[in-house]
Amino acid sequence: MSNSIELFNDFSSRGIRLWAESGKLKFKAEQGRLADSDRVLLSNHKSELLQLLTAKTCKRCGTPMQHIEAGYFSCPKCRYQLVESNSGFWLSETR
């Protein structure tokens, strides 16, 4: 997988949460859910994923994210939303 959005979507669909915190790529997954090959993918695509998770422009369609409320941004064209946490951002797909 060379596309960071596809990679993000794959991890999200398997219940693995990715986010950026203080310039570092972080993840949270249930024990045993993250395979060694997943760790290699995260390492190999770290810079692209960090860029995706910290951008204020939708990486899926290039549209500027709209500010919804404090710490929340949403793409008007896609179903993605960028949410600011205490020390970084994480990307989620709205339902």
Protein backbone atom coordinates (compact mmCIF):
# COMPACT_ATOMS: atom_id res chain seq x y z
CA MET A 1 0.00 0.00 0.00
CA SER A 2 1.58 3.22 -1.11
CA ASN A 3 -1.33 5.54 -0.40
CA SER A 4 -1.40 6.86 3.17
CA ILE A 5 -5.19 7.24 3.07
CA GLU A 6 -5.62 3.60 2.05
CA LEU A 7 -3.23 2.58 4.80
CA PHE A 8 -5.07 4.74 7.35
CA ASN A 9 -8.42 3.27 6.23
CA ASP A 10 -7.06 -0.28 6.48
CA PHE A 11 -5.85 0.26 10.04
CA SER A 12 -9.10 2.02 11.02
CA SER A 13 -11.24 -0.78 9.60
CA ARG A 14 -9.33 -3.25 11.79
CA GLY A 15 -9.84 -1.17 14.93
CA ILE A 16 -6.33 0.27 15.02
CA ARG A 17 -6.37 3.98 15.87
CA LEU A 18 -3.58 6.17 14.47
CA TRP A 19 -2.82 9.72 15.56
CA ALA A 20 -0.07 12.32 15.63
CA GLU A 21 1.20 13.54 18.98
CA SER A 22 4.07 16.00 19.46
CA GLY A 23 5.40 15.18 15.99
CA LYS A 24 5.32 11.42 16.55
CA LEU A 25 3.08 8.76 15.00
CA LYS A 26 1.11 6.95 17.70
CA PHE A 27 -1.26 4.01 17.56
CA LYS A 28 -3.60 2.09 19.81
CA ALA A 29 -4.81 -1.44 19.15
CA GLU A 30 -6.08 -4.39 21.10
CA GLN A 31 -3.38 -6.84 22.09
CA GLY A 32 -2.47 -9.12 19.19
CA ARG A 33 -4.25 -7.03 16.55
CA LEU A 34 -1.09 -5.33 15.26
CA ALA A 35 1.11 -7.78 13.33
CA ASP A 36 4.84 -7.36 12.78
CA SER A 37 4.09 -6.54 9.13
CA ASP A 38 1.82 -3.72 10.32
CA ARG A 39 4.66 -2.25 12.37
CA VAL A 40 6.86 -2.34 9.25
CA LEU A 41 4.16 -0.52 7.26
CA LEU A 42 3.85 2.13 9.99
CA SER A 43 7.60 2.61 10.03
CA ASN A 44 7.90 2.75 6.23
CA HIS A 45 5.02 5.23 5.85
CA LYS A 46 5.55 7.25 9.02
CA SER A 47 6.23 10.61 7.34
CA GLU A 48 3.24 10.30 4.97
CA LEU A 49 0.92 9.29 7.81
CA LEU A 50 2.15 12.15 10.00
CA GLN A 51 1.53 14.57 7.14
CA LEU A 52 -1.97 13.17 6.66
CA LEU A 53 -2.77 13.41 10.36
CA THR A 54 -1.49 16.98 10.81
CA ALA A 55 -2.66 18.64 7.59
CA LYS A 56 -5.47 21.14 7.53
CA THR A 57 -6.12 20.20 3.89
CA CYS A 58 -7.96 16.98 3.09
CA LYS A 59 -5.42 14.55 1.68
CA ARG A 60 -8.20 12.58 0.07
CA CYS A 61 -9.51 15.33 -2.21
CA GLY A 62 -7.33 18.41 -1.57
CA THR A 63 -10.17 20.52 -0.21
CA PRO A 64 -9.38 22.87 2.69
CA MET A 65 -10.78 21.51 5.94
CA GLN A 66 -13.56 23.59 7.49
CA HIS A 67 -13.28 24.61 11.12
CA ILE A 68 -16.31 23.19 12.92
CA GLU A 69 -15.57 24.10 16.54
CA ALA A 70 -12.54 24.28 18.80
CA GLY A 71 -10.23 21.48 17.72
CA TYR A 72 -12.52 20.01 15.06
CA PHE A 73 -12.09 20.33 11.30
CA SER A 74 -14.10 18.59 8.62
CA CYS A 75 -13.80 18.15 4.86
CA PRO A 76 -16.91 19.50 3.13
CA LYS A 77 -16.56 16.97 0.29
CA CYS A 78 -15.39 13.80 2.05
CA ARG A 79 -16.41 12.05 5.23
CA TYR A 80 -13.17 12.83 7.02
CA GLN A 81 -12.74 14.93 10.10
CA LEU A 82 -9.54 16.13 11.75
CA VAL A 83 -9.76 16.30 15.53
CA GLU A 84 -7.25 18.09 17.74
CA SER A 85 -6.24 16.43 20.99
CA ASN A 86 -4.12 17.86 23.80
CA SER A 87 -0.88 17.23 21.95
CA GLY A 88 -1.71 16.48 18.34
CA PHE A 89 -4.31 15.56 15.76
CA TRP A 90 -6.06 12.38 14.70
CA LEU A 91 -8.13 11.70 11.62
CA SER A 92 -11.48 9.95 11.71
CA GLU A 93 -14.11 9.01 9.20
CA THR A 94 -17.51 10.43 10.07
CA ARG A 95 -20.45 8.09 9.83
